[in-house]
Structure formats: structure tokens, C-alpha cells
């Protein structure tokens, strides 16, 4: 059995789901300290005017070291409505958005207090839609290092890290609605792949694994 460790992520990029696709067992880290400007609370989608970053607002605490599992989503503002409208605007014309929209909409309608629970609900849904059957468990404590039997991607899959730093990932191109305007844009949120390619998304994940 092959095992890897990932952080929790909001509508994570294709690279992240390649790990879920290729590893038999995936450990999702719950106990690491929350870090800003990571995929824990942000995703990148392809909108009509170019790439768009969607960031989940979180409640601020005085303690700078807060376990990710304890991070609460902020109820200030109207971010659920704004995120959903951005997703609809970006993907309404894709081949499979209408097919999947009812699966995703409830996450932007109901209040889920914790970031980790919100992310993991979306991840479980996406794994089901993509027929990803890896066994997912959650960390029981924070480990700085793992044995050679566990591939640690917690810091490697990061908005500021180059794709080339992951020698096991080479993004396979696929159809994108705005490709004629911007060219193929690699490693966007998994919803970009899902809404554009539907049931063939698994083939793209497979072809993106080195």
C-alpha cells in the first residue's frame, strides 16, 4: 500500500487530486498550525477576465498558532454568495456545470462552522464524483517527519511553489472554455477540470501522474 500526507484544501488544485487518485491511502493533516496564503483556504479558478483567487475568510484569534482543525470560517460579509456567483459566472458555459451544480450548491447555502469540515465535505464529494477510491484518514497528531513509506506533500502543494518542484506531477492539458483567450492554464482548482471534462476527468488525472 502506498501512503501520502496532504493538508486540507479548499477546492484543491489538480495536483492535489492526482495524489488522491494515485495513492492507496491518504492522510489528511488536521493538527498542523494554520498558515495563511495556502490552499487551505483558497483556490484558483479560470474566469472570463483571467485567473481568479477565491479566499475563504476565517475568524481571527489572538493566538498566532492555531491548529487547522480549530479554524472557524468567518460569518462576516457574504462570502458564500460571492464565491458561488463567481463559480457560476466562470463555469456556467462549461459542458458539465449544469450536471454538477446541484451537488456543489448546498455547500454555499448552509453554514458549516469549521474550515476543515467545509473543505473535507467538498473533497469527499469530489472524490465520489471522480470515482476516487483511496482510503482517507485524518492525522491523530502532528508529525514533523514521516518514514520513507509516507510521501509528504503538505508543503510541496502550495500556491507559491512551482509545479516543477513536484517530480511526480506533469499537468496534462484538457479543454478549457477560455483557452482560446488565455491558452491552457495548468493546475487550477479541480472544479475547472470537473466542469470542463466531466467523467473524463479521471483520464486527465491519470495522464498527469509521472
C-alpha atoms as a PDB file:
ATOM      1  CA  UNK A   1       0.000   0.000   0.000  1.00  0.00           C
ATOM      2  CA  UNK A   2       1.264   3.485  -0.879  1.00  0.00           C
ATOM      3  CA  UNK A   3       0.584   6.355   1.511  1.00  0.00           C
ATOM      4  CA  UNK A   4       0.869  10.130   1.287  1.00  0.00           C
ATOM      5  CA  UNK A   5       0.029  13.052   3.567  1.00  0.00           C
ATOM      6  CA  UNK A   6      -1.793  16.207   2.437  1.00  0.00           C
ATOM      7  CA  UNK A   7      -3.084  19.336   4.107  1.00  0.00           C
ATOM      8  CA  UNK A   8      -6.782  20.094   3.930  1.00  0.00           C
ATOM      9  CA  UNK A   9      -7.526  22.331   0.937  1.00  0.00           C
ATOM     10  CA  UNK A  10     -10.402  24.399  -0.430  1.00  0.00           C
ATOM     11  CA  UNK A  11     -11.389  23.063  -3.854  1.00  0.00           C
ATOM     12  CA  UNK A  12      -7.784  21.958  -4.231  1.00  0.00           C
ATOM     13  CA  UNK A  13      -5.785  22.070  -7.479  1.00  0.00           C
ATOM     14  CA  UNK A  14      -5.463  19.210  -9.942  1.00  0.00           C
ATOM     15  CA  UNK A  15      -2.046  18.343  -8.475  1.00  0.00           C
ATOM     16  CA  UNK A  16      -3.694  17.568  -5.123  1.00  0.00           C
ATOM     17  CA  UNK A  17      -6.271  15.241  -6.659  1.00  0.00           C
ATOM     18  CA  UNK A  18      -3.556  13.423  -8.574  1.00  0.00           C
ATOM     19  CA  UNK A  19      -2.275  12.307  -5.162  1.00  0.00           C
ATOM     20  CA  UNK A  20      -5.733  11.181  -4.090  1.00  0.00           C
ATOM     21  CA  UNK A  21      -6.024   9.333  -7.400  1.00  0.00           C
ATOM     22  CA  UNK A  22      -2.648   7.608  -7.283  1.00  0.00           C
ATOM     23  CA  UNK A  23      -2.114   6.722  -3.603  1.00  0.00           C
ATOM     24  CA  UNK A  24      -3.949   3.870  -1.890  1.00  0.00           C
ATOM     25  CA  UNK A  25      -4.012   5.663   1.471  1.00  0.00           C
ATOM     26  CA  UNK A  26      -4.126   9.424   2.028  1.00  0.00           C
ATOM     27  CA  UNK A  27      -3.647  11.048   5.432  1.00  0.00           C
ATOM     28  CA  UNK A  28      -5.215  14.492   5.732  1.00  0.00           C
ATOM     29  CA  UNK A  29      -3.335  16.662   8.236  1.00  0.00           C
ATOM     30  CA  UNK A  30      -5.569  18.119  10.971  1.00  0.00           C
ATOM     31  CA  UNK A  31      -3.077  19.234  13.604  1.00  0.00           C
ATOM     32  CA  UNK A  32      -0.642  21.460  11.734  1.00  0.00           C
ATOM     33  CA  UNK A  33      -0.716  25.161  12.567  1.00  0.00           C
ATOM     34  CA  UNK A  34      -2.910  27.138  10.226  1.00  0.00           C
ATOM     35  CA  UNK A  35      -0.876  29.100   7.677  1.00  0.00           C
ATOM     36  CA  UNK A  36      -2.212  31.961   5.567  1.00  0.00           C
ATOM     37  CA  UNK A  37      -1.885  32.207   1.780  1.00  0.00           C
ATOM     38  CA  UNK A  38      -2.029  28.477   1.194  1.00  0.00           C
ATOM     39  CA  UNK A  39      -4.567  26.194  -0.449  1.00  0.00           C
ATOM     40  CA  UNK A  40      -6.062  25.571   2.981  1.00  0.00           C
ATOM     41  CA  UNK A  41      -8.453  28.456   2.410  1.00  0.00           C
ATOM     42  CA  UNK A  42      -8.024  29.442  -1.229  1.00  0.00           C
ATOM     43  CA  UNK A  43      -8.462  28.129  -4.733  1.00  0.00           C
ATOM     44  CA  UNK A  44      -7.796  29.445  -8.221  1.00  0.00           C
ATOM     45  CA  UNK A  45     -10.408  29.321 -10.989  1.00  0.00           C
ATOM     46  CA  UNK A  46     -10.467  30.467 -14.622  1.00  0.00           C
ATOM     47  CA  UNK A  47     -12.847  33.387 -15.091  1.00  0.00           C
ATOM     48  CA  UNK A  48     -13.719  35.379 -18.202  1.00  0.00           C
ATOM     49  CA  UNK A  49     -11.235  38.109 -17.228  1.00  0.00           C
ATOM     50  CA  UNK A  50      -8.427  35.740 -16.291  1.00  0.00           C
ATOM     51  CA  UNK A  51      -7.423  33.794 -13.224  1.00  0.00           C
ATOM     52  CA  UNK A  52      -9.426  34.480 -10.058  1.00  0.00           C
ATOM     53  CA  UNK A  53      -8.459  33.619  -6.487  1.00  0.00           C
ATOM     54  CA  UNK A  54     -11.299  32.711  -4.124  1.00  0.00           C
ATOM     55  CA  UNK A  55     -10.298  33.001  -0.455  1.00  0.00           C
ATOM     56  CA  UNK A  56     -12.327  31.766   2.496  1.00  0.00           C
ATOM     57  CA  UNK A  57     -12.394  34.332   5.318  1.00  0.00           C
ATOM     58  CA  UNK A  58     -11.533  32.938   8.726  1.00  0.00           C
ATOM     59  CA  UNK A  59     -12.102  34.214  12.245  1.00  0.00           C
ATOM     60  CA  UNK A  60      -9.037  35.938  13.634  1.00  0.00           C
ATOM     61  CA  UNK A  61      -7.644  34.869  17.002  1.00  0.00           C
ATOM     62  CA  UNK A  62      -5.042  36.398  19.253  1.00  0.00           C
ATOM     63  CA  UNK A  63      -3.036  33.168  19.293  1.00  0.00           C
ATOM     64  CA  UNK A  64      -0.973  33.041  16.071  1.00  0.00           C
ATOM     65  CA  UNK A  65      -0.518  29.280  16.428  1.00  0.00           C
ATOM     66  CA  UNK A  66      -3.892  27.719  15.795  1.00  0.00           C
ATOM     67  CA  UNK A  67      -4.367  24.086  14.725  1.00  0.00           C
ATOM     68  CA  UNK A  68      -6.050  23.875  11.351  1.00  0.00           C
ATOM     69  CA  UNK A  69      -8.790  21.675  12.803  1.00  0.00           C
ATOM     70  CA  UNK A  70      -9.859  24.546  15.107  1.00  0.00           C
ATOM     71  CA  UNK A  71     -10.061  27.287  12.480  1.00  0.00           C
ATOM     72  CA  UNK A  72     -13.548  28.714  12.105  1.00  0.00           C
ATOM     73  CA  UNK A  73     -14.975  30.267   8.967  1.00  0.00           C
ATOM     74  CA  UNK A  74     -15.962  33.888   9.400  1.00  0.00           C
ATOM     75  CA  UNK A  75     -19.627  34.820   9.220  1.00  0.00           C
ATOM     76  CA  UNK A  76     -18.851  38.431   8.330  1.00  0.00           C
ATOM     77  CA  UNK A  77     -19.630  39.522   4.807  1.00  0.00           C
ATOM     78  CA  UNK A  78     -21.446  37.450   2.238  1.00  0.00           C
ATOM     79  CA  UNK A  79     -18.630  35.235   1.019  1.00  0.00           C
ATOM     80  CA  UNK A  80     -20.761  32.147   0.313  1.00  0.00           C
ATOM     81  CA  UNK A  81     -22.930  34.117  -2.096  1.00  0.00           C
ATOM     82  CA  UNK A  82     -19.901  35.811  -3.648  1.00  0.00           C
ATOM     83  CA  UNK A  83     -17.971  32.574  -4.148  1.00  0.00           C
ATOM     84  CA  UNK A  84     -20.934  30.772  -5.644  1.00  0.00           C
ATOM     85  CA  UNK A  85     -21.685  33.656  -8.007  1.00  0.00           C
ATOM     86  CA  UNK A  86     -18.037  33.692  -9.103  1.00  0.00           C
ATOM     87  CA  UNK A  87     -18.122  29.951  -9.784  1.00  0.00           C
ATOM     88  CA  UNK A  88     -21.385  30.241 -11.744  1.00  0.00           C
ATOM     89  CA  UNK A  89     -20.047  33.160 -13.774  1.00  0.00           C
ATOM     90  CA  UNK A  90     -16.801  31.331 -14.577  1.00  0.00           C
ATOM     91  CA  UNK A  91     -18.238  27.906 -15.387  1.00  0.00           C
ATOM     92  CA  UNK A  92     -21.865  28.327 -16.413  1.00  0.00           C
ATOM     93  CA  UNK A  93     -20.920  27.798 -20.058  1.00  0.00           C
ATOM     94  CA  UNK A  94     -18.769  24.716 -19.488  1.00  0.00           C
ATOM     95  CA  UNK A  95     -20.052  21.353 -20.754  1.00  0.00           C
ATOM     96  CA  UNK A  96     -20.701  19.808 -17.326  1.00  0.00           C
ATOM     97  CA  UNK A  97     -21.517  22.650 -14.935  1.00  0.00           C
ATOM     98  CA  UNK A  98     -25.274  22.111 -15.135  1.00  0.00           C
ATOM     99  CA  UNK A  99     -24.728  18.417 -14.480  1.00  0.00           C
ATOM    100  CA  UNK A 100     -22.813  19.023 -11.223  1.00  0.00           C
ATOM    101  CA  UNK A 101     -24.124  22.350  -9.925  1.00  0.00           C
ATOM    102  CA  UNK A 102     -26.737  20.834  -7.604  1.00  0.00           C
ATOM    103  CA  UNK A 103     -24.013  18.789  -5.904  1.00  0.00           C
ATOM    104  CA  UNK A 104     -21.952  21.873  -5.056  1.00  0.00           C
ATOM    105  CA  UNK A 105     -24.585  24.496  -4.343  1.00  0.00           C
ATOM    106  CA  UNK A 106     -25.539  23.247  -0.829  1.00  0.00           C
ATOM    107  CA  UNK A 107     -22.006  23.997   0.420  1.00  0.00           C
ATOM    108  CA  UNK A 108     -22.557  27.667  -0.407  1.00  0.00           C
ATOM    109  CA  UNK A 109     -26.010  27.786   1.118  1.00  0.00           C
ATOM    110  CA  UNK A 110     -25.651  26.175   4.548  1.00  0.00           C
ATOM    111  CA  UNK A 111     -23.348  27.323   7.329  1.00  0.00           C
ATOM    112  CA  UNK A 112     -20.515  24.933   8.175  1.00  0.00           C
ATOM    113  CA  UNK A 113     -18.602  26.473  11.119  1.00  0.00           C
ATOM    114  CA  UNK A 114     -15.149  24.932  10.682  1.00  0.00           C
ATOM    115  CA  UNK A 115     -12.806  25.324   7.719  1.00  0.00           C
ATOM    116  CA  UNK A 116     -11.636  21.719   7.973  1.00  0.00           C
ATOM    117  CA  UNK A 117     -15.177  20.319   7.853  1.00  0.00           C
ATOM    118  CA  UNK A 118     -16.110  22.571   4.936  1.00  0.00           C
ATOM    119  CA  UNK A 119     -13.045  21.535   2.937  1.00  0.00           C
ATOM    120  CA  UNK A 120     -13.425  17.865   3.712  1.00  0.00           C
ATOM    121  CA  UNK A 121     -17.095  17.825   2.762  1.00  0.00           C
ATOM    122  CA  UNK A 122     -16.169  19.216  -0.637  1.00  0.00           C
ATOM    123  CA  UNK A 123     -13.237  16.812  -1.002  1.00  0.00           C
ATOM    124  CA  UNK A 124     -15.426  13.789  -0.234  1.00  0.00           C
ATOM    125  CA  UNK A 125     -17.985  14.944  -2.795  1.00  0.00           C
ATOM    126  CA  UNK A 126     -15.356  15.477  -5.479  1.00  0.00           C
ATOM    127  CA  UNK A 127     -13.744  12.089  -4.802  1.00  0.00           C
ATOM    128  CA  UNK A 128     -17.165  10.495  -5.199  1.00  0.00           C
ATOM    129  CA  UNK A 129     -17.828  12.340  -8.474  1.00  0.00           C
ATOM    130  CA  UNK A 130     -14.395  11.347  -9.796  1.00  0.00           C
ATOM    131  CA  UNK A 131     -14.716   7.742  -8.555  1.00  0.00           C
ATOM    132  CA  UNK A 132     -11.543   8.132  -6.474  1.00  0.00           C
ATOM    133  CA  UNK A 133     -11.438   5.250  -4.026  1.00  0.00           C
ATOM    134  CA  UNK A 134      -8.305   5.900  -1.985  1.00  0.00           C
ATOM    135  CA  UNK A 135      -8.684   5.315   1.754  1.00  0.00           C
ATOM    136  CA  UNK A 136      -8.671   8.673   3.539  1.00  0.00           C
ATOM    137  CA  UNK A 137      -7.835   9.036   7.234  1.00  0.00           C
ATOM    138  CA  UNK A 138      -7.056  12.041   9.411  1.00  0.00           C
ATOM    139  CA  UNK A 139      -3.898  12.645  11.408  1.00  0.00           C
ATOM    140  CA  UNK A 140      -4.095  11.998  15.153  1.00  0.00           C
ATOM    141  CA  UNK A 141      -1.191  14.301  15.981  1.00  0.00           C
ATOM    142  CA  UNK A 142       1.312  16.473  14.146  1.00  0.00           C
ATOM    143  CA  UNK A 143       4.407  14.731  12.806  1.00  0.00           C
ATOM    144  CA  UNK A 144       7.325  16.833  11.609  1.00  0.00           C
ATOM    145  CA  UNK A 145       8.766  14.000   9.556  1.00  0.00           C
ATOM    146  CA  UNK A 146       7.447  10.738   8.188  1.00  0.00           C
ATOM    147  CA  UNK A 147       9.161   7.489   7.367  1.00  0.00           C
ATOM    148  CA  UNK A 148      10.170   6.773   3.783  1.00  0.00           C
ATOM    149  CA  UNK A 149       6.923   4.835   3.431  1.00  0.00           C
ATOM    150  CA  UNK A 150       4.838   8.051   3.554  1.00  0.00           C
ATOM    151  CA  UNK A 151       5.157  10.706   0.849  1.00  0.00           C
ATOM    152  CA  UNK A 152       4.804  14.136   2.479  1.00  0.00           C
ATOM    153  CA  UNK A 153       3.125  16.711   0.217  1.00  0.00           C
ATOM    154  CA  UNK A 154       1.961  19.070   2.968  1.00  0.00           C
ATOM    155  CA  UNK A 155       4.311  21.885   1.961  1.00  0.00           C
ATOM    156  CA  UNK A 156       5.004  20.894  -1.647  1.00  0.00           C
ATOM    157  CA  UNK A 157       1.471  21.557  -2.927  1.00  0.00           C
ATOM    158  CA  UNK A 158       1.449  25.296  -2.347  1.00  0.00           C
ATOM    159  CA  UNK A 159       0.414  28.371  -4.380  1.00  0.00           C
ATOM    160  CA  UNK A 160       3.960  29.744  -4.210  1.00  0.00           C
ATOM    161  CA  UNK A 161       5.716  26.513  -5.207  1.00  0.00           C
ATOM    162  CA  UNK A 162       6.485  25.825  -8.860  1.00  0.00           C
ATOM    163  CA  UNK A 163       4.776  22.811 -10.396  1.00  0.00           C
ATOM    164  CA  UNK A 164       8.192  21.546 -11.476  1.00  0.00           C
ATOM    165  CA  UNK A 165       9.150  21.070  -7.811  1.00  0.00           C
ATOM    166  CA  UNK A 166       6.834  18.031  -7.788  1.00  0.00           C
ATOM    167  CA  UNK A 167       8.670  15.464  -9.920  1.00  0.00           C
ATOM    168  CA  UNK A 168       5.639  13.167  -9.891  1.00  0.00           C
ATOM    169  CA  UNK A 169       3.234  15.689 -11.426  1.00  0.00           C
ATOM    170  CA  UNK A 170       3.130  16.888 -15.030  1.00  0.00           C
ATOM    171  CA  UNK A 171      -0.217  18.556 -15.820  1.00  0.00           C
ATOM    172  CA  UNK A 172      -1.886  17.058 -18.871  1.00  0.00           C
ATOM    173  CA  UNK A 173      -3.731  19.672 -20.968  1.00  0.00           C
ATOM    174  CA  UNK A 174      -7.505  19.446 -21.303  1.00  0.00           C
ATOM    175  CA  UNK A 175     -10.294  21.509 -22.829  1.00  0.00           C
ATOM    176  CA  UNK A 176     -10.947  24.850 -21.086  1.00  0.00           C
ATOM    177  CA  UNK A 177     -13.689  27.296 -22.072  1.00  0.00           C
ATOM    178  CA  UNK A 178     -11.356  30.310 -22.125  1.00  0.00           C
ATOM    179  CA  UNK A 179      -8.367  28.522 -23.659  1.00  0.00           C
ATOM    180  CA  UNK A 180      -8.658  30.420 -26.952  1.00  0.00           C
ATOM    181  CA  UNK A 181      -8.272  33.678 -24.993  1.00  0.00           C
ATOM    182  CA  UNK A 182      -5.584  32.771 -22.444  1.00  0.00           C
ATOM    183  CA  UNK A 183      -4.097  29.466 -23.557  1.00  0.00           C
ATOM    184  CA  UNK A 184      -4.181  26.376 -21.365  1.00  0.00           C
ATOM    185  CA  UNK A 185      -3.920  27.288 -17.680  1.00  0.00           C
ATOM    186  CA  UNK A 186      -2.452  24.450 -15.653  1.00  0.00           C
ATOM    187  CA  UNK A 187      -3.154  23.233 -12.133  1.00  0.00           C
ATOM    188  CA  UNK A 188      -6.292  25.216 -11.427  1.00  0.00           C
ATOM    189  CA  UNK A 189      -8.914  24.126  -8.914  1.00  0.00           C
ATOM    190  CA  UNK A 190     -10.246  20.635  -9.514  1.00  0.00           C
ATOM    191  CA  UNK A 191     -13.643  22.148 -10.356  1.00  0.00           C
ATOM    192  CA  UNK A 192     -12.098  23.634 -13.507  1.00  0.00           C
ATOM    193  CA  UNK A 193     -11.245  20.123 -14.675  1.00  0.00           C
ATOM    194  CA  UNK A 194     -14.523  18.614 -13.490  1.00  0.00           C
ATOM    195  CA  UNK A 195     -16.821  21.221 -15.061  1.00  0.00           C
ATOM    196  CA  UNK A 196     -14.915  21.172 -18.355  1.00  0.00           C
ATOM    197  CA  UNK A 197     -14.284  17.440 -18.707  1.00  0.00           C
ATOM    198  CA  UNK A 198     -16.890  15.669 -16.579  1.00  0.00           C
ATOM    199  CA  UNK A 199     -16.480  11.869 -16.490  1.00  0.00           C
ATOM    200  CA  UNK A 200     -13.226  12.097 -18.471  1.00  0.00           C
ATOM    201  CA  UNK A 201     -11.536  13.991 -15.619  1.00  0.00           C
ATOM    202  CA  UNK A 202     -10.079  10.760 -14.289  1.00  0.00           C
ATOM    203  CA  UNK A 203      -8.200  10.245 -17.554  1.00  0.00           C
ATOM    204  CA  UNK A 204      -6.606  13.690 -17.192  1.00  0.00           C
ATOM    205  CA  UNK A 205      -5.577  12.909 -13.606  1.00  0.00           C
ATOM    206  CA  UNK A 206      -4.057   9.613 -14.710  1.00  0.00           C
ATOM    207  CA  UNK A 207      -2.160  11.275 -17.552  1.00  0.00           C
ATOM    208  CA  UNK A 208      -0.817  13.962 -15.192  1.00  0.00           C
ATOM    209  CA  UNK A 209       0.968  11.463 -12.947  1.00  0.00           C
ATOM    210  CA  UNK A 210       4.611  10.724 -13.689  1.00  0.00           C
END
